[in-house]
N, C-alpha and C. Protein backbone atom coordinates (compact mmCIF):
# COMPACT_ATOMS: atom_id res chain seq x y z
N MET A 1 41.92 121.83 47.38
CA MET A 1 41.69 120.49 47.91
C MET A 1 40.68 119.78 47.02
N THR A 2 40.97 118.55 46.67
CA THR A 2 40.13 117.77 45.77
C THR A 2 38.96 117.15 46.51
N ARG A 3 37.78 117.16 45.87
CA ARG A 3 36.59 116.52 46.44
C ARG A 3 36.60 115.06 46.02
N LYS A 4 36.44 114.16 47.00
CA LYS A 4 36.50 112.72 46.73
C LYS A 4 35.22 112.07 47.22
N ARG A 5 34.81 110.98 46.54
CA ARG A 5 33.56 110.29 46.87
C ARG A 5 33.81 108.81 47.14
N SER A 6 33.01 108.29 48.03
CA SER A 6 33.12 106.86 48.36
C SER A 6 32.44 106.02 47.28
N PHE A 7 32.64 104.73 47.40
CA PHE A 7 32.04 103.76 46.49
C PHE A 7 30.66 103.35 47.01
N PRO A 8 29.87 102.70 46.17
CA PRO A 8 28.60 102.15 46.67
C PRO A 8 28.86 101.03 47.69
N PRO A 9 27.89 100.77 48.55
CA PRO A 9 28.09 99.68 49.51
C PRO A 9 28.12 98.33 48.81
N VAL A 10 28.86 97.41 49.41
CA VAL A 10 28.90 96.01 48.96
C VAL A 10 28.10 95.24 50.01
N VAL A 11 26.84 95.00 49.73
CA VAL A 11 25.94 94.34 50.68
C VAL A 11 24.90 93.51 49.93
N ASP A 12 24.31 92.60 50.66
CA ASP A 12 23.10 91.91 50.22
C ASP A 12 22.26 91.64 51.47
N GLU A 13 21.10 91.06 51.31
CA GLU A 13 20.20 90.91 52.46
C GLU A 13 20.68 89.92 53.50
N GLN A 14 21.76 89.18 53.21
CA GLN A 14 22.30 88.21 54.15
C GLN A 14 23.44 88.75 55.02
N VAL A 15 23.86 90.00 54.80
CA VAL A 15 24.98 90.57 55.54
C VAL A 15 24.67 90.61 57.04
N ARG A 16 25.58 90.02 57.81
CA ARG A 16 25.48 90.04 59.28
C ARG A 16 26.51 90.99 59.91
N LEU A 17 27.62 91.19 59.20
CA LEU A 17 28.70 92.04 59.65
C LEU A 17 28.97 93.09 58.58
N LEU A 18 28.94 94.35 58.96
CA LEU A 18 29.24 95.44 58.05
C LEU A 18 30.54 96.10 58.51
N ILE A 19 31.54 96.13 57.64
CA ILE A 19 32.81 96.76 57.95
C ILE A 19 32.84 98.12 57.25
N LEU A 20 33.07 99.15 58.05
CA LEU A 20 33.05 100.51 57.55
C LEU A 20 34.42 101.16 57.65
N GLY A 21 34.91 101.66 56.53
CA GLY A 21 36.11 102.47 56.52
C GLY A 21 35.72 103.94 56.56
N SER A 22 36.70 104.80 56.36
CA SER A 22 36.42 106.24 56.38
C SER A 22 36.07 106.73 54.97
N LEU A 23 37.06 106.79 54.10
CA LEU A 23 36.92 107.26 52.71
C LEU A 23 38.06 106.63 51.93
N PRO A 24 37.80 106.09 50.73
CA PRO A 24 38.89 105.45 49.98
C PRO A 24 40.06 106.41 49.74
N GLY A 25 41.26 105.85 49.83
CA GLY A 25 42.46 106.61 49.53
C GLY A 25 42.65 106.77 48.03
N ASN A 26 43.68 107.51 47.66
CA ASN A 26 43.91 107.83 46.25
C ASN A 26 44.10 106.59 45.38
N VAL A 27 44.87 105.61 45.87
CA VAL A 27 45.10 104.40 45.07
C VAL A 27 43.79 103.64 44.88
N SER A 28 43.00 103.53 45.93
CA SER A 28 41.70 102.85 45.82
C SER A 28 40.79 103.59 44.85
N LEU A 29 40.76 104.91 44.94
CA LEU A 29 39.93 105.70 44.02
C LEU A 29 40.39 105.52 42.58
N ALA A 30 41.70 105.51 42.36
CA ALA A 30 42.23 105.34 41.00
C ALA A 30 41.86 103.99 40.41
N HIS A 31 41.77 102.95 41.26
CA HIS A 31 41.43 101.61 40.80
C HIS A 31 39.95 101.28 40.93
N SER A 32 39.18 102.18 41.55
CA SER A 32 37.76 101.94 41.82
C SER A 32 37.57 100.63 42.59
N GLN A 33 38.41 100.43 43.60
CA GLN A 33 38.37 99.22 44.41
C GLN A 33 38.61 99.58 45.88
N TYR A 34 37.83 98.96 46.74
CA TYR A 34 38.10 99.09 48.17
C TYR A 34 39.48 98.51 48.49
N TYR A 35 40.24 99.26 49.27
CA TYR A 35 41.52 98.80 49.82
C TYR A 35 42.49 98.30 48.75
N ALA A 36 42.69 99.12 47.71
CA ALA A 36 43.54 98.73 46.58
C ALA A 36 45.02 99.00 46.81
N HIS A 37 45.37 99.83 47.79
CA HIS A 37 46.78 100.12 48.04
C HIS A 37 47.49 98.83 48.44
N PRO A 38 48.58 98.48 47.77
CA PRO A 38 49.24 97.19 48.05
C PRO A 38 49.76 97.07 49.48
N GLN A 39 50.01 98.17 50.16
CA GLN A 39 50.49 98.10 51.54
C GLN A 39 49.35 98.08 52.57
N ASN A 40 48.13 98.28 52.12
CA ASN A 40 47.00 98.20 53.06
C ASN A 40 46.78 96.73 53.38
N ARG A 41 46.61 96.42 54.63
CA ARG A 41 46.52 95.03 55.09
C ARG A 41 45.08 94.51 55.19
N PHE A 42 44.11 95.28 54.69
CA PHE A 42 42.71 94.89 54.82
C PHE A 42 42.44 93.47 54.31
N TRP A 43 42.82 93.19 53.07
CA TRP A 43 42.49 91.88 52.49
C TRP A 43 43.24 90.75 53.18
N LYS A 44 44.46 91.02 53.60
CA LYS A 44 45.24 90.01 54.33
C LYS A 44 44.60 89.73 55.69
N LEU A 45 44.21 90.79 56.40
CA LEU A 45 43.56 90.61 57.70
C LEU A 45 42.26 89.84 57.56
N LEU A 46 41.45 90.20 56.58
CA LEU A 46 40.17 89.50 56.40
C LEU A 46 40.37 88.07 55.91
N ALA A 47 41.46 87.81 55.22
CA ALA A 47 41.77 86.44 54.83
C ALA A 47 41.99 85.59 56.09
N GLU A 48 42.68 86.14 57.06
CA GLU A 48 42.92 85.43 58.32
C GLU A 48 41.62 85.22 59.09
N VAL A 49 40.75 86.21 59.03
CA VAL A 49 39.46 86.13 59.73
C VAL A 49 38.55 85.10 59.08
N THR A 50 38.47 85.12 57.75
CA THR A 50 37.50 84.29 57.03
C THR A 50 38.03 82.92 56.62
N GLY A 51 39.35 82.77 56.52
CA GLY A 51 39.92 81.53 56.03
C GLY A 51 39.96 81.44 54.52
N ALA A 52 39.56 82.50 53.83
CA ALA A 52 39.60 82.54 52.36
C ALA A 52 40.86 83.29 51.93
N ASP A 53 41.51 82.83 50.86
CA ASP A 53 42.72 83.48 50.37
C ASP A 53 42.34 84.70 49.53
N LEU A 54 41.82 85.70 50.20
CA LEU A 54 41.31 86.89 49.51
C LEU A 54 42.35 87.61 48.67
N PRO A 55 43.59 87.80 49.16
CA PRO A 55 44.56 88.53 48.33
C PRO A 55 44.83 87.86 46.98
N ALA A 56 44.65 86.56 46.89
CA ALA A 56 44.94 85.85 45.64
C ALA A 56 43.80 85.96 44.63
N LEU A 57 42.65 86.41 45.07
CA LEU A 57 41.48 86.46 44.19
C LEU A 57 41.40 87.76 43.41
N PRO A 58 40.83 87.72 42.20
CA PRO A 58 40.51 88.97 41.51
C PRO A 58 39.52 89.77 42.38
N TYR A 59 39.52 91.08 42.21
CA TYR A 59 38.74 91.95 43.08
C TYR A 59 37.27 91.56 43.16
N ALA A 60 36.63 91.34 42.04
CA ALA A 60 35.19 90.99 42.06
C ALA A 60 34.95 89.71 42.85
N ASP A 61 35.87 88.77 42.76
CA ASP A 61 35.75 87.52 43.51
C ASP A 61 35.97 87.73 45.01
N ARG A 62 36.82 88.69 45.36
CA ARG A 62 37.01 89.03 46.78
C ARG A 62 35.69 89.51 47.37
N LEU A 63 35.03 90.40 46.64
CA LEU A 63 33.76 90.93 47.14
C LEU A 63 32.73 89.82 47.26
N GLN A 64 32.68 88.92 46.30
CA GLN A 64 31.72 87.80 46.36
C GLN A 64 32.06 86.87 47.52
N ALA A 65 33.34 86.66 47.77
CA ALA A 65 33.75 85.80 48.90
C ALA A 65 33.32 86.41 50.23
N LEU A 66 33.40 87.73 50.34
CA LEU A 66 32.93 88.38 51.57
C LEU A 66 31.42 88.23 51.72
N LEU A 67 30.70 88.49 50.64
CA LEU A 67 29.23 88.37 50.72
C LEU A 67 28.82 86.92 51.03
N ALA A 68 29.56 85.96 50.50
CA ALA A 68 29.25 84.56 50.79
C ALA A 68 29.44 84.25 52.28
N ARG A 69 30.26 85.04 52.95
CA ARG A 69 30.49 84.88 54.40
C ARG A 69 29.68 85.89 55.20
N HIS A 70 28.73 86.58 54.53
CA HIS A 70 27.80 87.53 55.16
C HIS A 70 28.49 88.77 55.70
N VAL A 71 29.54 89.20 54.96
CA VAL A 71 30.29 90.41 55.33
C VAL A 71 30.07 91.46 54.25
N GLY A 72 29.71 92.66 54.67
CA GLY A 72 29.53 93.78 53.76
C GLY A 72 30.57 94.86 54.00
N LEU A 73 30.73 95.76 53.02
CA LEU A 73 31.70 96.85 53.09
C LEU A 73 31.03 98.16 52.70
N TRP A 74 31.48 99.22 53.35
CA TRP A 74 31.11 100.57 52.93
C TRP A 74 32.03 101.55 53.64
N ASP A 75 31.78 102.82 53.43
CA ASP A 75 32.53 103.87 54.10
C ASP A 75 31.58 104.81 54.81
N VAL A 76 32.05 105.44 55.85
CA VAL A 76 31.19 106.36 56.60
C VAL A 76 31.07 107.72 55.92
N VAL A 77 32.07 108.09 55.13
CA VAL A 77 32.07 109.38 54.45
C VAL A 77 31.59 109.18 53.01
N ALA A 78 30.54 109.90 52.64
CA ALA A 78 30.03 109.85 51.27
C ALA A 78 30.93 110.65 50.35
N GLU A 79 31.29 111.85 50.80
CA GLU A 79 32.21 112.68 50.04
C GLU A 79 32.83 113.70 50.96
N ALA A 80 34.02 114.16 50.55
CA ALA A 80 34.75 115.14 51.35
C ALA A 80 35.84 115.75 50.49
N ARG A 81 36.35 116.84 50.97
CA ARG A 81 37.57 117.40 50.38
C ARG A 81 38.74 116.78 51.13
N ARG A 82 39.75 116.37 50.36
CA ARG A 82 40.93 115.77 51.00
C ARG A 82 42.10 115.81 50.05
N ASP A 83 43.20 116.38 50.49
CA ASP A 83 44.46 116.27 49.77
C ASP A 83 45.11 114.98 50.23
N GLY A 84 45.61 114.19 49.31
CA GLY A 84 46.26 112.94 49.67
C GLY A 84 45.25 111.91 50.14
N SER A 85 45.72 110.97 50.96
CA SER A 85 44.89 109.85 51.39
C SER A 85 44.68 109.78 52.90
N LEU A 86 45.33 110.64 53.65
CA LEU A 86 45.24 110.55 55.11
C LEU A 86 43.88 111.00 55.63
N ASP A 87 43.34 110.24 56.57
CA ASP A 87 42.08 110.61 57.20
C ASP A 87 42.16 111.97 57.87
N SER A 88 43.32 112.31 58.38
CA SER A 88 43.47 113.60 59.07
C SER A 88 43.28 114.78 58.13
N ASN A 89 43.32 114.53 56.82
CA ASN A 89 43.12 115.60 55.83
C ASN A 89 41.68 115.71 55.34
N ILE A 90 40.78 114.90 55.87
CA ILE A 90 39.37 114.96 55.46
C ILE A 90 38.77 116.28 55.96
N ARG A 91 38.14 117.01 55.03
CA ARG A 91 37.50 118.29 55.35
C ARG A 91 36.11 118.33 54.71
N ASP A 92 35.22 119.05 55.36
CA ASP A 92 33.88 119.30 54.80
C ASP A 92 33.21 118.00 54.34
N HIS A 93 33.19 117.02 55.21
CA HIS A 93 32.65 115.72 54.83
C HIS A 93 31.13 115.68 54.94
N VAL A 94 30.56 114.80 54.14
CA VAL A 94 29.14 114.47 54.18
C VAL A 94 29.06 112.98 54.49
N HIS A 95 28.25 112.62 55.48
CA HIS A 95 28.13 111.21 55.89
C HIS A 95 27.34 110.41 54.86
N ASN A 96 27.70 109.13 54.72
CA ASN A 96 26.81 108.20 54.05
C ASN A 96 25.62 107.95 54.99
N ASP A 97 24.51 107.54 54.44
CA ASP A 97 23.30 107.31 55.24
C ASP A 97 23.37 105.92 55.87
N LEU A 98 24.17 105.82 56.92
CA LEU A 98 24.38 104.54 57.59
C LEU A 98 23.10 104.00 58.24
N PRO A 99 22.29 104.83 58.90
CA PRO A 99 21.07 104.28 59.51
C PRO A 99 20.13 103.63 58.49
N THR A 100 19.99 104.23 57.33
CA THR A 100 19.10 103.67 56.31
C THR A 100 19.67 102.36 55.77
N LEU A 101 20.99 102.34 55.50
CA LEU A 101 21.60 101.09 55.02
C LEU A 101 21.43 99.99 56.07
N ALA A 102 21.77 100.30 57.32
CA ALA A 102 21.68 99.29 58.38
C ALA A 102 20.25 98.76 58.50
N ALA A 103 19.27 99.65 58.42
CA ALA A 103 17.87 99.24 58.53
C ALA A 103 17.45 98.34 57.37
N SER A 104 18.14 98.45 56.23
CA SER A 104 17.79 97.64 55.05
C SER A 104 18.42 96.25 55.09
N LEU A 105 19.22 95.97 56.11
CA LEU A 105 19.93 94.70 56.21
C LEU A 105 19.33 93.89 57.36
N PRO A 106 18.36 93.02 57.08
CA PRO A 106 17.62 92.35 58.15
C PRO A 106 18.45 91.42 59.03
N GLN A 107 19.57 90.93 58.54
CA GLN A 107 20.42 90.01 59.31
C GLN A 107 21.57 90.70 60.04
N LEU A 108 21.71 92.01 59.85
CA LEU A 108 22.85 92.74 60.41
C LEU A 108 22.83 92.71 61.94
N THR A 109 23.94 92.24 62.51
CA THR A 109 24.06 92.21 63.97
C THR A 109 25.27 92.98 64.47
N ALA A 110 26.27 93.19 63.60
CA ALA A 110 27.52 93.82 64.04
C ALA A 110 28.02 94.80 62.99
N ILE A 111 28.59 95.90 63.49
CA ILE A 111 29.22 96.90 62.64
C ILE A 111 30.64 97.10 63.17
N ALA A 112 31.61 96.93 62.27
CA ALA A 112 33.01 97.11 62.63
C ALA A 112 33.55 98.34 61.92
N PHE A 113 34.34 99.11 62.65
CA PHE A 113 34.94 100.31 62.09
C PHE A 113 36.43 100.08 61.89
N ASN A 114 36.89 100.28 60.66
CA ASN A 114 38.29 100.12 60.30
C ASN A 114 39.02 101.42 60.57
N GLY A 115 39.45 101.60 61.82
CA GLY A 115 40.23 102.77 62.19
C GLY A 115 39.44 103.78 63.00
N GLY A 116 40.19 104.66 63.66
CA GLY A 116 39.61 105.63 64.56
C GLY A 116 38.73 106.67 63.90
N THR A 117 39.13 107.16 62.74
CA THR A 117 38.31 108.16 62.05
C THR A 117 36.99 107.56 61.61
N ALA A 118 37.03 106.35 61.08
CA ALA A 118 35.78 105.67 60.69
C ALA A 118 34.87 105.51 61.89
N ALA A 119 35.44 105.13 63.04
CA ALA A 119 34.63 104.95 64.24
C ALA A 119 34.03 106.26 64.72
N LYS A 120 34.85 107.28 64.81
CA LYS A 120 34.38 108.58 65.31
C LYS A 120 33.25 109.12 64.43
N LEU A 121 33.47 109.15 63.13
CA LEU A 121 32.47 109.70 62.21
C LEU A 121 31.28 108.76 62.06
N GLY A 122 31.55 107.46 62.04
CA GLY A 122 30.49 106.48 61.85
C GLY A 122 29.53 106.39 63.02
N LEU A 123 30.07 106.43 64.22
CA LEU A 123 29.19 106.40 65.40
C LEU A 123 28.31 107.64 65.46
N LYS A 124 28.88 108.77 65.07
CA LYS A 124 28.09 110.00 65.01
C LYS A 124 26.98 109.87 63.96
N ALA A 125 27.32 109.32 62.80
CA ALA A 125 26.33 109.16 61.73
C ALA A 125 25.22 108.18 62.12
N LEU A 126 25.58 107.12 62.82
CA LEU A 126 24.58 106.14 63.26
C LEU A 126 23.67 106.69 64.35
N GLY A 127 24.23 107.55 65.18
CA GLY A 127 23.45 108.13 66.27
C GLY A 127 22.92 107.04 67.19
N PRO A 128 21.67 107.17 67.64
CA PRO A 128 21.12 106.20 68.59
C PRO A 128 20.98 104.79 68.01
N ARG A 129 20.99 104.66 66.69
CA ARG A 129 20.90 103.33 66.05
C ARG A 129 22.11 102.46 66.37
N ALA A 130 23.23 103.06 66.75
CA ALA A 130 24.43 102.28 67.09
C ALA A 130 24.15 101.28 68.19
N ALA A 131 23.25 101.61 69.10
CA ALA A 131 22.93 100.72 70.22
C ALA A 131 22.24 99.43 69.76
N ASP A 132 21.76 99.40 68.52
CA ASP A 132 21.08 98.22 67.99
C ASP A 132 22.04 97.13 67.53
N TYR A 133 23.34 97.43 67.51
CA TYR A 133 24.33 96.51 66.93
C TYR A 133 25.51 96.31 67.87
N ARG A 134 26.18 95.21 67.68
CA ARG A 134 27.48 95.03 68.33
C ARG A 134 28.46 95.91 67.56
N ILE A 135 29.13 96.80 68.26
CA ILE A 135 30.07 97.71 67.64
C ILE A 135 31.49 97.21 67.93
N ILE A 136 32.30 97.09 66.86
CA ILE A 136 33.67 96.60 67.00
C ILE A 136 34.61 97.68 66.45
N LEU A 137 35.51 98.12 67.29
CA LEU A 137 36.48 99.13 66.90
C LEU A 137 37.78 98.44 66.55
N LEU A 138 38.21 98.57 65.30
CA LEU A 138 39.40 97.89 64.80
C LEU A 138 40.54 98.88 64.57
N PRO A 139 41.77 98.43 64.78
CA PRO A 139 42.89 99.28 64.37
C PRO A 139 42.90 99.35 62.84
N SER A 140 43.23 100.50 62.33
CA SER A 140 43.21 100.71 60.88
C SER A 140 44.11 99.72 60.15
N SER A 141 43.63 99.24 59.02
CA SER A 141 44.43 98.36 58.16
C SER A 141 45.40 99.17 57.29
N SER A 142 45.31 100.47 57.35
CA SER A 142 46.14 101.35 56.52
C SER A 142 47.62 101.27 56.90
N PRO A 143 48.50 101.41 55.89
CA PRO A 143 49.94 101.46 56.20
C PRO A 143 50.32 102.73 56.96
N ALA A 144 49.47 103.75 56.92
CA ALA A 144 49.75 104.99 57.66
C ALA A 144 49.64 104.77 59.17
N TYR A 145 48.89 103.75 59.57
CA TYR A 145 48.77 103.40 60.98
C TYR A 145 49.77 102.29 61.24
N THR A 146 50.88 102.64 61.86
CA THR A 146 52.06 101.77 61.87
C THR A 146 52.10 100.75 63.01
N ARG A 147 51.00 100.45 63.60
CA ARG A 147 50.94 99.40 64.62
C ARG A 147 51.39 98.07 63.97
N PRO A 148 52.12 97.23 64.71
CA PRO A 148 52.58 95.96 64.12
C PRO A 148 51.41 95.10 63.63
N TYR A 149 51.65 94.38 62.55
CA TYR A 149 50.61 93.54 61.95
C TYR A 149 50.03 92.57 62.96
N ALA A 150 50.87 91.95 63.77
CA ALA A 150 50.37 90.97 64.74
C ALA A 150 49.37 91.59 65.71
N GLU A 151 49.59 92.82 66.09
CA GLU A 151 48.64 93.51 66.98
C GLU A 151 47.33 93.81 66.26
N LYS A 152 47.44 94.24 65.01
CA LYS A 152 46.23 94.48 64.22
C LYS A 152 45.44 93.18 64.09
N LEU A 153 46.14 92.10 63.74
CA LEU A 153 45.48 90.82 63.53
C LEU A 153 44.76 90.36 64.79
N GLU A 154 45.38 90.50 65.93
CA GLU A 154 44.75 90.07 67.17
C GLU A 154 43.38 90.75 67.35
N ALA A 155 43.32 92.03 67.06
CA ALA A 155 42.05 92.76 67.18
C ALA A 155 41.06 92.33 66.10
N TRP A 156 41.54 92.18 64.88
CA TRP A 156 40.66 91.82 63.77
C TRP A 156 40.07 90.42 63.92
N LEU A 157 40.78 89.52 64.59
CA LEU A 157 40.26 88.16 64.76
C LEU A 157 38.96 88.13 65.57
N ALA A 158 38.65 89.20 66.29
CA ALA A 158 37.37 89.30 66.99
C ALA A 158 36.19 89.23 66.03
N LEU A 159 36.44 89.53 64.77
CA LEU A 159 35.37 89.49 63.77
C LEU A 159 34.88 88.06 63.52
N ARG A 160 35.69 87.08 63.84
CA ARG A 160 35.28 85.68 63.62
C ARG A 160 33.97 85.36 64.35
N ASP A 161 33.79 85.95 65.53
CA ASP A 161 32.57 85.71 66.30
C ASP A 161 31.31 86.15 65.54
N CYS A 162 31.48 87.10 64.63
CA CYS A 162 30.34 87.64 63.87
C CYS A 162 30.00 86.80 62.65
N LEU A 163 30.86 85.86 62.30
CA LEU A 163 30.67 85.07 61.09
C LEU A 163 29.94 83.77 61.35
N ALA A 164 29.87 83.36 62.60
CA ALA A 164 29.25 82.05 62.93
C ALA A 164 27.75 82.07 62.74
């Protein structure tokens, strides 16, 4: 089983909403980009939430557009062994230091988890600090989670409240 590592967080001191995934999939790791798999709906969902045409932007500009809207990104798993890209294959994981990151973000009010594995592992990693934030559980943007797009979008639109 291959050992895989997450990317650095995409944050600045103005972040009010932090979106946490589990661990980048193989396509994302190969491109060194969050949510690089063309079938992952992350950028499309966030485009609907933010009103910015994120899928049309180059990757670096996508990240800047999120930061301009006070949205940060990271993953709950720092590293793990995993064959393939499925969260169910994550083994021997090490958490990212979510409490320290959250404490370093003075404007942070909400943490959203992209999928069930991110929520389960992330809430455990946050521990009692989770009570300090509005916690939003989102259906995974991954193509492996086959819930209809319209249902995913309905849940993701709750993030708009965190952007005001």
